[in-house]
Amino acid sequence: MLEIPKGTLVYGTQLPIQSQSSLYAAKWEGSATPADLLRIAQAADRSGYFYVAVCDHIAIPED
């Protein structure tokens, strides 16, 4: 387990694109590609984000 030193602020984000919920997905996410997702994750890493989060579902039933 990674330990974060006391008093250290860390931050992360839920990656867009990989979750297509009609409740919060932006229109542009519907046409995004895996390469777009990779670029976003790499940009977060370069910007100092401590983590990126993704959904753990690999398929969502239509009904």
N, C-alpha and C. Protein backbone atom coordinates (compact mmCIF):
# COMPACT_ATOMS: atom_id res chain seq x y z
N MET A 1 0.84 -1.17 0.00
CA MET A 1 0.00 0.00 0.00
C MET A 1 0.89 1.24 0.00
N LEU A 2 0.51 2.20 -0.79
CA LEU A 2 1.23 3.46 -0.86
C LEU A 2 0.81 4.34 0.30
N GLU A 3 1.77 4.87 1.01
CA GLU A 3 1.46 5.77 2.12
C GLU A 3 1.67 7.21 1.69
N ILE A 4 0.72 8.04 2.07
CA ILE A 4 0.80 9.46 1.78
C ILE A 4 1.25 10.15 3.06
N PRO A 5 2.35 10.91 2.99
CA PRO A 5 2.83 11.59 4.19
C PRO A 5 1.76 12.51 4.79
N LYS A 6 1.67 12.52 6.09
CA LYS A 6 0.71 13.37 6.79
C LYS A 6 0.87 14.82 6.35
N GLY A 7 -0.24 15.46 6.08
CA GLY A 7 -0.24 16.86 5.66
C GLY A 7 -0.05 17.06 4.17
N THR A 8 0.10 15.98 3.42
CA THR A 8 0.27 16.07 1.97
C THR A 8 -1.09 16.06 1.29
N LEU A 9 -1.31 16.99 0.40
CA LEU A 9 -2.56 17.05 -0.36
C LEU A 9 -2.37 16.29 -1.67
N VAL A 10 -3.25 15.35 -1.94
CA VAL A 10 -3.24 14.65 -3.23
C VAL A 10 -4.61 14.80 -3.86
N TYR A 11 -4.66 14.68 -5.17
CA TYR A 11 -5.93 14.81 -5.86
C TYR A 11 -5.94 13.90 -7.08
N GLY A 12 -7.13 13.57 -7.53
CA GLY A 12 -7.29 12.71 -8.69
C GLY A 12 -8.58 13.05 -9.40
N THR A 13 -8.92 12.23 -10.37
CA THR A 13 -10.12 12.50 -11.15
C THR A 13 -10.72 11.21 -11.70
N GLN A 14 -12.00 11.23 -11.91
CA GLN A 14 -12.68 10.15 -12.64
C GLN A 14 -12.49 10.46 -14.11
N LEU A 15 -11.94 9.52 -14.86
CA LEU A 15 -11.70 9.77 -16.28
C LEU A 15 -13.02 9.86 -17.04
N PRO A 16 -13.10 10.79 -17.99
CA PRO A 16 -14.28 10.84 -18.85
C PRO A 16 -14.21 9.71 -19.87
N ILE A 17 -15.14 9.65 -20.75
CA ILE A 17 -15.21 8.72 -21.88
C ILE A 17 -15.58 7.30 -21.47
N GLN A 18 -14.88 6.72 -20.50
CA GLN A 18 -15.04 5.30 -20.18
C GLN A 18 -16.37 4.99 -19.51
N SER A 19 -17.06 5.98 -19.02
CA SER A 19 -18.38 5.77 -18.43
C SER A 19 -19.38 6.61 -19.22
N GLN A 20 -20.31 5.98 -19.86
CA GLN A 20 -21.22 6.70 -20.75
C GLN A 20 -22.61 6.89 -20.13
N SER A 21 -22.67 7.19 -18.85
CA SER A 21 -23.96 7.40 -18.20
C SER A 21 -24.67 8.60 -18.79
N SER A 22 -25.94 8.46 -19.06
CA SER A 22 -26.72 9.58 -19.58
C SER A 22 -26.92 10.66 -18.52
N LEU A 23 -26.58 10.37 -17.28
CA LEU A 23 -26.73 11.35 -16.21
C LEU A 23 -25.65 12.42 -16.22
N TYR A 24 -24.45 12.08 -16.73
CA TYR A 24 -23.36 13.05 -16.63
C TYR A 24 -22.37 13.07 -17.80
N ALA A 25 -22.48 12.18 -18.76
CA ALA A 25 -21.52 12.16 -19.87
C ALA A 25 -21.76 13.37 -20.78
N ALA A 26 -20.67 14.01 -21.17
CA ALA A 26 -20.76 15.12 -22.12
C ALA A 26 -20.92 14.56 -23.54
N LYS A 27 -21.54 15.34 -24.41
CA LYS A 27 -21.81 14.86 -25.77
C LYS A 27 -20.54 14.42 -26.50
N TRP A 28 -19.44 15.13 -26.32
CA TRP A 28 -18.20 14.81 -27.04
C TRP A 28 -17.66 13.43 -26.67
N GLU A 29 -18.02 12.92 -25.48
CA GLU A 29 -17.51 11.62 -25.04
C GLU A 29 -18.00 10.47 -25.92
N GLY A 30 -19.17 10.62 -26.53
CA GLY A 30 -19.73 9.56 -27.36
C GLY A 30 -18.90 9.23 -28.58
N SER A 31 -18.14 10.19 -29.07
CA SER A 31 -17.32 9.95 -30.26
C SER A 31 -15.83 9.86 -29.94
N ALA A 32 -15.49 9.88 -28.66
CA ALA A 32 -14.08 9.80 -28.26
C ALA A 32 -13.54 8.39 -28.47
N THR A 33 -12.24 8.30 -28.60
CA THR A 33 -11.58 7.03 -28.87
C THR A 33 -10.73 6.59 -27.69
N PRO A 34 -10.28 5.34 -27.68
CA PRO A 34 -9.34 4.91 -26.64
C PRO A 34 -8.08 5.78 -26.61
N ALA A 35 -7.63 6.24 -27.78
CA ALA A 35 -6.46 7.11 -27.82
C ALA A 35 -6.73 8.43 -27.10
N ASP A 36 -7.96 8.94 -27.20
CA ASP A 36 -8.34 10.16 -26.48
C ASP A 36 -8.27 9.92 -24.97
N LEU A 37 -8.76 8.78 -24.54
CA LEU A 37 -8.73 8.44 -23.12
C LEU A 37 -7.28 8.36 -22.63
N LEU A 38 -6.42 7.76 -23.41
CA LEU A 38 -5.00 7.67 -23.06
C LEU A 38 -4.39 9.06 -22.93
N ARG A 39 -4.68 9.95 -23.87
CA ARG A 39 -4.14 11.31 -23.80
C ARG A 39 -4.61 12.04 -22.55
N ILE A 40 -5.85 11.85 -22.16
CA ILE A 40 -6.37 12.50 -20.96
C ILE A 40 -5.66 11.96 -19.72
N ALA A 41 -5.50 10.65 -19.65
CA ALA A 41 -4.80 10.04 -18.50
C ALA A 41 -3.35 10.52 -18.44
N GLN A 42 -2.68 10.60 -19.57
CA GLN A 42 -1.29 11.06 -19.59
C GLN A 42 -1.19 12.53 -19.19
N ALA A 43 -2.15 13.34 -19.61
CA ALA A 43 -2.16 14.75 -19.22
C ALA A 43 -2.36 14.89 -17.72
N ALA A 44 -3.22 14.06 -17.14
CA ALA A 44 -3.42 14.08 -15.69
C ALA A 44 -2.12 13.71 -14.98
N ASP A 45 -1.43 12.70 -15.49
CA ASP A 45 -0.16 12.28 -14.90
C ASP A 45 0.87 13.41 -14.97
N ARG A 46 1.01 14.04 -16.12
CA ARG A 46 1.96 15.15 -16.27
C ARG A 46 1.60 16.32 -15.36
N SER A 47 0.31 16.48 -15.07
CA SER A 47 -0.16 17.61 -14.25
C SER A 47 -0.07 17.34 -12.75
N GLY A 48 0.38 16.13 -12.38
CA GLY A 48 0.58 15.83 -10.97
C GLY A 48 -0.58 15.16 -10.27
N TYR A 49 -1.57 14.71 -11.02
CA TYR A 49 -2.67 13.99 -10.38
C TYR A 49 -2.13 12.74 -9.70
N PHE A 50 -2.63 12.44 -8.52
CA PHE A 50 -2.19 11.28 -7.76
C PHE A 50 -2.81 9.99 -8.29
N TYR A 51 -4.03 10.10 -8.82
CA TYR A 51 -4.70 8.92 -9.36
C TYR A 51 -5.71 9.33 -10.42
N VAL A 52 -6.07 8.39 -11.27
CA VAL A 52 -7.23 8.50 -12.14
C VAL A 52 -8.11 7.30 -11.84
N ALA A 53 -9.41 7.50 -11.85
CA ALA A 53 -10.35 6.42 -11.53
C ALA A 53 -11.16 6.08 -12.78
N VAL A 54 -11.56 4.83 -12.86
CA VAL A 54 -12.39 4.36 -13.96
C VAL A 54 -13.48 3.45 -13.41
N CYS A 55 -14.52 3.23 -14.20
CA CYS A 55 -15.57 2.30 -13.81
C CYS A 55 -15.03 0.88 -13.87
N ASP A 56 -15.58 0.02 -13.05
CA ASP A 56 -15.14 -1.37 -13.05
C ASP A 56 -16.09 -2.28 -13.83
N HIS A 57 -17.03 -1.71 -14.54
CA HIS A 57 -17.96 -2.49 -15.37
C HIS A 57 -17.37 -2.62 -16.78
N ILE A 58 -17.38 -3.81 -17.33
CA ILE A 58 -16.90 -3.96 -18.69
C ILE A 58 -18.03 -3.99 -19.70
N ALA A 59 -19.26 -4.12 -19.24
CA ALA A 59 -20.42 -4.09 -20.12
C ALA A 59 -21.63 -3.66 -19.31
N ILE A 60 -22.50 -2.91 -19.95
CA ILE A 60 -23.72 -2.46 -19.29
C ILE A 60 -24.90 -2.98 -20.11
N PRO A 61 -25.79 -3.76 -19.50
CA PRO A 61 -26.94 -4.28 -20.24
C PRO A 61 -27.85 -3.15 -20.70
N GLU A 62 -28.48 -3.33 -21.83
CA GLU A 62 -29.38 -2.31 -22.37
C GLU A 62 -30.70 -2.23 -21.63
N ASP A 63 -31.12 -3.30 -20.96
CA ASP A 63 -32.42 -3.25 -20.28
C ASP A 63 -32.29 -3.11 -18.82
